[in-house]
Protein backbone atom coordinates (compact mmCIF):
# COMPACT_ATOMS: atom_id res chain seq x y z
CA UNK A 1 0.02 -0.05 -0.01
CA UNK A 2 1.56 3.33 -1.08
CA UNK A 3 1.79 6.19 1.29
CA UNK A 4 2.84 9.79 0.97
CA UNK A 5 5.07 10.60 3.95
CA UNK A 6 4.08 14.25 3.76
CA UNK A 7 0.30 13.51 3.61
CA UNK A 8 -0.18 10.18 5.40
CA UNK A 9 -3.52 8.35 4.91
CA UNK A 10 -4.55 7.49 8.40
CA UNK A 11 -6.93 4.73 7.25
CA UNK A 12 -3.97 2.83 5.76
CA UNK A 13 -1.98 3.35 8.98
CA UNK A 14 -5.10 2.10 11.02
CA UNK A 15 -5.35 -1.06 8.99
CA UNK A 16 -1.63 -1.74 9.43
CA UNK A 17 -1.82 -0.96 13.15
CA UNK A 18 -4.79 -3.33 13.49
CA UNK A 19 -2.67 -6.08 11.88
CA UNK A 20 0.16 -5.45 14.37
CA UNK A 21 -2.28 -5.77 17.25
CA UNK A 22 -3.73 -8.99 15.79
CA UNK A 23 -0.25 -10.62 15.83
CA UNK A 24 0.53 -9.99 12.11
CA UNK A 25 3.60 -8.72 10.27
CA UNK A 26 3.86 -5.21 8.60
CA UNK A 27 6.85 -4.01 6.58
CA UNK A 28 7.29 -0.24 6.92
CA UNK A 29 9.79 2.40 6.05
CA UNK A 30 12.10 4.03 8.51
CA UNK A 31 14.65 6.62 7.77
CA UNK A 32 17.36 3.99 7.67
CA UNK A 33 15.96 0.92 5.90
CA UNK A 34 12.61 -0.85 5.65
CA UNK A 35 11.64 -2.76 8.78
CA UNK A 36 9.71 -5.93 9.35
CA UNK A 37 7.46 -5.17 12.28
CA UNK A 38 5.51 -7.15 14.81
CA UNK A 39 4.04 -6.26 18.30
CA UNK A 40 7.20 -6.40 20.52
CA UNK A 41 5.12 -7.65 23.49
CA UNK A 42 3.62 -10.54 21.57
CA UNK A 43 6.06 -13.49 21.66
CA UNK A 44 4.14 -15.47 18.99
CA UNK A 45 4.08 -12.54 16.58
CA UNK A 46 7.84 -11.92 17.06
CA UNK A 47 8.61 -15.60 16.19
CA UNK A 48 6.86 -15.01 12.88
CA UNK A 49 9.63 -12.36 12.13
CA UNK A 50 12.25 -15.00 12.51
CA UNK A 51 10.33 -17.45 10.37
CA UNK A 52 9.72 -14.97 7.58
CA UNK A 53 13.36 -13.77 7.37
CA UNK A 54 14.88 -17.23 8.12
CA UNK A 55 16.79 -15.39 10.82
CA UNK A 56 18.73 -17.22 13.49
CA UNK A 57 17.09 -17.07 16.90
CA UNK A 58 20.22 -15.94 18.64
CA UNK A 59 20.06 -12.58 16.76
CA UNK A 60 18.25 -10.02 18.93
CA UNK A 61 15.66 -7.62 17.43
CA UNK A 62 15.53 -3.77 17.86
CA UNK A 63 12.33 -2.49 19.50
CA UNK A 64 10.92 0.70 18.00
CA UNK A 65 9.13 3.30 20.08
CA UNK A 66 7.27 6.51 19.30
CA UNK A 67 7.22 7.94 22.86
CA UNK A 68 10.42 8.42 25.01
CA UNK A 69 8.45 7.28 28.14
CA UNK A 70 8.28 3.84 26.71
CA UNK A 71 12.03 3.45 27.18
CA UNK A 72 11.43 3.47 31.01
CA UNK A 73 8.79 0.66 30.59
CA UNK A 74 11.18 -1.52 28.30
CA UNK A 75 14.33 -0.96 30.16
CA UNK A 76 15.23 -1.89 33.76
CA UNK A 77 17.36 1.24 34.13
CA UNK A 78 18.10 4.22 31.90
CA UNK A 79 21.46 5.80 32.58
CA UNK A 80 22.00 9.62 32.35
CA UNK A 81 24.13 8.94 29.20
CA UNK A 82 20.99 7.61 27.46
CA UNK A 83 19.01 10.77 28.36
CA UNK A 84 21.73 12.95 27.06
CA UNK A 85 21.82 11.11 23.75
CA UNK A 86 18.01 11.04 23.44
CA UNK A 87 17.99 14.82 23.70
CA UNK A 88 20.56 15.18 20.99
CA UNK A 89 19.77 12.40 18.50
CA UNK A 90 16.20 11.18 19.04
CA UNK A 91 14.11 10.60 17.05
CA UNK A 92 16.78 9.35 14.69
CA UNK A 93 19.01 6.51 13.63
CA UNK A 94 20.56 5.69 17.00
CA UNK A 95 19.78 2.48 18.87
CA UNK A 96 20.64 1.98 22.58
CA UNK A 97 21.38 -1.40 24.27
CA UNK A 98 19.93 -1.17 27.81
CA UNK A 99 19.27 -3.58 30.54
CA UNK A 100 15.81 -5.00 29.79
CA UNK A 101 12.65 -5.01 31.89
CA UNK A 102 10.60 -8.15 32.59
CA UNK A 103 7.97 -6.87 30.15
CA UNK A 104 10.18 -7.75 27.08
CA UNK A 105 9.67 -11.29 25.90
CA UNK A 106 12.79 -13.50 25.68
CA UNK A 107 12.48 -14.01 21.90
CA UNK A 108 13.00 -10.26 21.30
CA UNK A 109 16.35 -10.20 23.11
CA UNK A 110 17.62 -13.62 22.22
CA UNK A 111 17.31 -14.46 25.99
CA UNK A 112 19.92 -11.80 26.79
CA UNK A 113 19.57 -9.38 29.86
CA UNK A 114 19.66 -6.41 27.56
CA UNK A 115 17.26 -4.94 24.84
CA UNK A 116 17.94 -2.74 21.79
CA UNK A 117 15.65 0.32 21.60
CA UNK A 118 15.29 3.17 19.11
CA UNK A 119 12.88 5.94 18.05
CA UNK A 120 12.71 6.31 14.31
CA UNK A 121 12.13 9.82 12.94
CA UNK A 122 10.36 8.64 9.72
CA UNK A 123 6.76 9.91 9.82
CA UNK A 124 5.16 6.74 8.56
CA UNK A 125 7.14 4.62 11.09
CA UNK A 126 6.28 7.07 13.95
CA UNK A 127 2.56 7.17 12.99
CA UNK A 128 2.38 3.36 12.73
CA UNK A 129 3.91 2.82 16.24
CA UNK A 130 1.82 5.54 17.92
CA UNK A 131 -1.38 4.32 16.36
CA UNK A 132 -0.65 0.65 17.33
CA UNK A 133 -0.13 1.82 20.82
CA UNK A 134 2.52 -0.81 21.37
CA UNK A 135 6.33 -1.00 20.82
CA UNK A 136 7.19 -2.63 17.52
CA UNK A 137 10.04 -5.14 17.12
CA UNK A 138 11.49 -4.77 13.71
CA UNK A 139 14.67 -6.01 12.11
CA UNK A 140 15.36 -5.09 8.48
CA UNK A 141 12.70 -6.39 6.12
CA UNK A 142 14.88 -8.82 4.09
CA UNK A 143 15.93 -12.37 4.07
CA UNK A 144 18.55 -12.88 6.61
CA UNK A 145 22.06 -12.23 5.35
CA UNK A 146 20.86 -10.20 2.31
CA UNK A 147 21.56 -6.52 1.71
CA UNK A 148 19.10 -4.42 3.81
CA UNK A 149 15.99 -3.09 1.84
CA UNK A 150 15.86 0.59 0.97
CA UNK A 151 12.77 0.42 -1.10
CA UNK A 152 9.49 -1.49 -0.84
CA UNK A 153 10.39 -3.34 -3.99
CA UNK A 154 13.34 -4.86 -2.15
CA UNK A 155 10.98 -6.12 0.48
CA UNK A 156 8.66 -7.57 -2.20
CA UNK A 157 11.59 -9.29 -3.78
CA UNK A 158 12.60 -10.98 -0.54
CA UNK A 159 9.47 -11.43 1.51
CA UNK A 160 6.44 -11.52 -0.83
CA UNK A 161 3.85 -13.84 0.66
CA UNK A 162 5.57 -13.72 4.14
CA UNK A 163 4.11 -10.25 5.21
CA UNK A 164 0.51 -9.15 5.73
CA UNK A 165 1.09 -5.59 4.55
CA UNK A 166 3.94 -3.65 3.00
CA UNK A 167 3.81 0.09 3.40
CA UNK A 168 5.51 1.80 0.52
CA UNK A 169 6.68 5.34 1.23
CA UNK A 170 9.48 5.49 -1.36
CA UNK A 171 13.22 5.21 -0.92
CA UNK A 172 14.65 5.51 2.62
CA UNK A 173 16.92 8.47 3.49
CA UNK A 174 20.12 7.10 4.99
CA UNK A 175 20.24 3.61 3.26
CA UNK A 176 22.32 2.15 6.17
CA UNK A 177 20.86 0.57 9.35
CA UNK A 178 21.00 2.46 12.59
CA UNK A 179 23.99 2.98 14.84
CA UNK A 180 23.80 0.65 17.91
CA UNK A 181 25.40 1.83 21.15
CA UNK A 182 25.84 -0.33 24.11
CA UNK A 183 25.15 1.65 27.26
CA UNK A 184 25.36 -1.41 29.57
CA UNK A 185 29.19 -1.25 29.68
CA UNK A 186 31.78 1.42 30.34
CA UNK A 187 32.80 3.12 28.30
CA UNK A 188 29.82 3.04 25.99
CA UNK A 189 30.66 0.92 22.95
CA UNK A 190 29.54 0.89 19.33
CA UNK A 191 28.28 -2.56 18.40
CA UNK A 192 27.26 -1.58 14.85
CA UNK A 193 28.27 1.64 13.30
CA UNK A 194 25.67 3.64 11.41
CA UNK A 195 24.47 7.17 10.42
CA UNK A 196 25.27 8.65 13.87
CA UNK A 197 29.08 8.51 13.91
CA UNK A 198 31.67 7.73 16.52
CA UNK A 199 32.81 11.35 16.28
CA UNK A 200 29.26 12.73 17.05
CA UNK A 201 28.83 10.33 19.99
CA UNK A 202 32.16 11.32 21.48
CA UNK A 203 31.23 14.97 21.21
CA UNK A 204 28.33 14.31 23.47
CA UNK A 205 29.75 11.46 25.89
CA UNK A 206 33.49 11.97 25.58
CA UNK A 207 34.90 8.38 25.87
CA UNK A 208 33.17 5.99 23.36
CA UNK A 209 34.77 2.78 22.03
CA UNK A 210 34.08 0.76 18.91
CA UNK A 211 33.66 -3.07 19.34
CA UNK A 212 36.25 -4.97 17.29
CA UNK A 213 33.51 -6.85 15.51
CA UNK A 214 31.93 -3.49 14.54
CA UNK A 215 35.11 -2.54 12.67
CA UNK A 216 34.73 -5.95 10.71
CA UNK A 217 38.37 -5.92 9.87
CA UNK A 218 38.73 -9.57 10.69
CA UNK A 219 36.56 -12.54 9.88
CA UNK A 220 35.53 -12.83 13.60
CA UNK A 221 32.13 -13.01 15.26
CA UNK A 222 31.11 -12.20 18.77
CA UNK A 223 30.60 -15.16 20.89
CA UNK A 224 27.34 -13.59 22.00
CA UNK A 225 25.42 -11.12 19.89
CA UNK A 226 24.23 -8.17 21.98
CA UNK A 227 22.84 -6.49 18.90
CA UNK A 228 22.04 -7.24 15.27
CA UNK A 229 25.03 -7.34 12.93
CA UNK A 230 27.50 -9.03 15.47
CA UNK A 231 26.98 -12.59 14.36
CA UNK A 232 26.26 -14.38 11.10
CA UNK A 233 26.93 -13.16 7.62
CA UNK A 234 25.24 -9.85 6.82
CA UNK A 235 24.36 -7.57 3.88
CA UNK A 236 25.79 -10.02 1.31
CA UNK A 237 24.73 -10.05 -2.31
CA UNK A 238 24.30 -13.44 -4.22
CA UNK A 239 27.31 -12.65 -6.20
CA UNK A 240 30.80 -13.29 -4.66
CA UNK A 241 32.16 -9.86 -3.62
CA UNK A 242 35.79 -8.78 -3.21
CA UNK A 243 36.54 -5.48 -1.49
CA UNK A 244 39.65 -3.65 -2.40
CA UNK A 245 40.66 -1.07 0.29
CA UNK A 246 43.62 1.02 1.26
CA UNK A 247 45.41 3.63 -0.97
CA UNK A 248 42.73 5.20 -3.25
CA UNK A 249 45.39 5.74 -5.84
CA UNK A 250 46.18 2.06 -6.09
CA UNK A 251 42.64 0.72 -5.78
CA UNK A 252 41.69 1.01 -9.48
CA UNK A 253 44.80 -0.81 -10.65
CA UNK A 254 44.19 -3.78 -8.29
CA UNK A 255 40.53 -3.99 -9.32
CA UNK A 256 41.51 -3.91 -13.00
CA UNK A 257 43.89 -6.73 -12.42
CA UNK A 258 41.19 -8.80 -10.68
CA UNK A 259 38.70 -7.93 -13.42
CA UNK A 260 41.05 -9.17 -16.02
CA UNK A 261 41.51 -12.50 -14.01
CA UNK A 262 37.87 -13.12 -13.61
CA UNK A 263 37.10 -12.25 -17.28
CA UNK A 264 39.75 -14.75 -18.26
CA UNK A 265 37.84 -17.58 -16.38
CA UNK A 266 34.62 -16.37 -18.03
CA UNK A 267 33.04 -14.83 -14.98
CA UNK A 268 30.46 -11.93 -15.24
CA UNK A 269 31.90 -9.00 -13.34
CA UNK A 270 30.50 -5.82 -11.92
CA UNK A 271 32.44 -3.04 -10.32
CA UNK A 272 31.27 -0.69 -7.55
CA UNK A 273 33.16 2.52 -7.93
CA UNK A 274 33.24 6.03 -6.62
CA UNK A 275 32.86 9.15 -8.75
CA UNK A 276 36.52 10.01 -8.44
CA UNK A 277 37.72 6.73 -9.98
CA UNK A 278 34.87 5.36 -12.17
CA UNK A 279 36.56 6.55 -15.35
CA UNK A 280 39.59 4.26 -14.66
CA UNK A 281 37.69 1.12 -15.32
CA UNK A 282 37.12 -0.58 -18.76
CA UNK A 283 34.57 -2.99 -17.50
CA UNK A 284 31.09 -3.16 -19.08
CA UNK A 285 29.30 -3.04 -15.70
CA UNK A 286 30.53 -0.12 -13.54
CA UNK A 287 28.05 1.42 -11.00
CA UNK A 288 28.87 4.57 -9.21
CA UNK A 289 28.18 4.58 -5.40
CA UNK A 290 28.65 8.29 -4.92
CA UNK A 291 31.52 10.69 -4.23
CA UNK A 292 34.25 10.35 -1.54
CA UNK A 293 33.80 13.98 -0.69
CA UNK A 294 30.16 13.10 0.46
CA UNK A 295 30.15 9.55 2.00
CA UNK A 296 26.45 9.94 2.90
CA UNK A 297 25.76 9.49 -0.85
CA UNK A 298 27.70 6.28 -0.92
CA UNK A 299 25.89 4.96 2.17
CA UNK A 300 22.46 5.77 0.59
CA UNK A 301 23.27 3.87 -2.60
CA UNK A 302 25.24 0.80 -1.34
CA UNK A 303 22.55 -1.74 -0.66
CA UNK A 304 20.48 -0.57 -3.73
CA UNK A 305 23.41 -1.16 -6.11
CA UNK A 306 24.39 -4.53 -4.54
CA UNK A 307 20.76 -5.56 -5.31
CA UNK A 308 20.97 -4.25 -8.78
CA UNK A 309 24.02 -6.31 -9.65
CA UNK A 310 22.21 -9.44 -8.19
CA UNK A 311 19.19 -8.58 -10.50
CA UNK A 312 21.64 -8.47 -13.52
CA UNK A 313 23.11 -11.92 -12.61
CA UNK A 314 26.77 -10.97 -12.23
CA UNK A 315 28.91 -13.60 -10.72
CA UNK A 316 31.55 -11.36 -9.15
CA UNK A 317 31.43 -7.88 -7.61
CA UNK A 318 34.60 -5.90 -7.09
CA UNK A 319 34.15 -2.96 -4.71
CA UNK A 320 36.15 0.01 -3.73
CA UNK A 321 36.71 0.70 -0.09
CA UNK A 322 36.48 4.20 1.64
CA UNK A 323 38.26 5.72 4.64
CA UNK A 324 36.60 4.32 7.77
CA UNK A 325 36.04 7.86 9.20
CA UNK A 326 32.68 9.33 10.08
CA UNK A 327 29.95 7.39 8.25
CA UNK A 328 32.76 5.67 6.36
CA UNK A 329 33.12 3.43 9.33
CA UNK A 330 29.59 2.18 8.75
CA UNK A 331 30.09 1.77 5.07
CA UNK A 332 33.27 -0.32 5.58
CA UNK A 333 31.42 -2.46 8.17
CA UNK A 334 28.76 -3.36 5.61
CA UNK A 335 31.21 -3.81 2.70
CA UNK A 336 33.53 -5.96 4.83
CA UNK A 337 30.74 -8.19 6.21
CA UNK A 338 29.32 -8.64 2.66
CA UNK A 339 32.56 -9.58 1.04
CA UNK A 340 34.06 -13.08 0.55
CA UNK A 341 37.51 -11.63 0.18
CA UNK A 342 39.18 -8.41 1.29
CA UNK A 343 42.40 -7.04 -0.55
CA UNK A 344 44.39 -4.24 0.93
CA UNK A 345 46.67 -2.04 -1.15
CA UNK A 346 49.23 0.56 -0.22
CA UNK A 347 50.69 0.98 3.21
CA UNK A 348 48.54 -0.44 6.01
């Protein structure tokens, strides 16, 4: 069902909210990616999310709220740091990990003592949650392990027949999943980088760390996943992807070498390039992510272009890396987790 975010049809929202309250599944847009929502307080409804996505049960789900007061209902304790961050970044693409209250079903938290909570700023998401009157548990509305969905068509491609209603409000703003910050430890630690950057969090809190798994520099997983994105393969296209990162002057040469090799063994190859280097490739399929001078453009297009290459049936994707600074850390987290091979060029 299509919705105009600037002129929301409340009858459509009411229909979707009723489905949530009846234990059904609703796919809806947020400012980050499309979410697959169920009543977070209904254990049987949340189990349907895992079944529809084929999601491992040890992967906790973010709970979305429309009222800050709900945080005190879902969390056992809310530290002053959380209140500071809420004032600065909520509603918005920042998720907190807090000690959970007894109200939250075990299935939502993967039986952990903590719960992930965020307040989306997208008007459709906010209206759906407030109309339903319950917190909504919602991971990304895709098959587990696939690139996150940034359009309703991506949801249709992955989950048609598994969802009661898909609310289509166009392309999402950020194109990357929310930042997840663990506030149950000291110092606060980023478990998944996203649109709210390390630098922005440090400007508010001072000392903030990045979990080694969040950097995705090594093929390691957390023994226990306190948030989505810490275990299991994520964001991966069907094609085998190689990421080339490091010295931007040397990246095109290495990608061209790899392209020649794969063409020699009769593989169909696509290249994910940036505006600055796209003219250095002779490949037939080159897609431009955006410009290195505005990494938000790259973040917005990443999942969409990975899915486009899958639709075109390429065997191999060769992708350029970016500097892991600002939102670049989130971009590199997604690229590294989606890649089968990482090649580093230049000094490192």
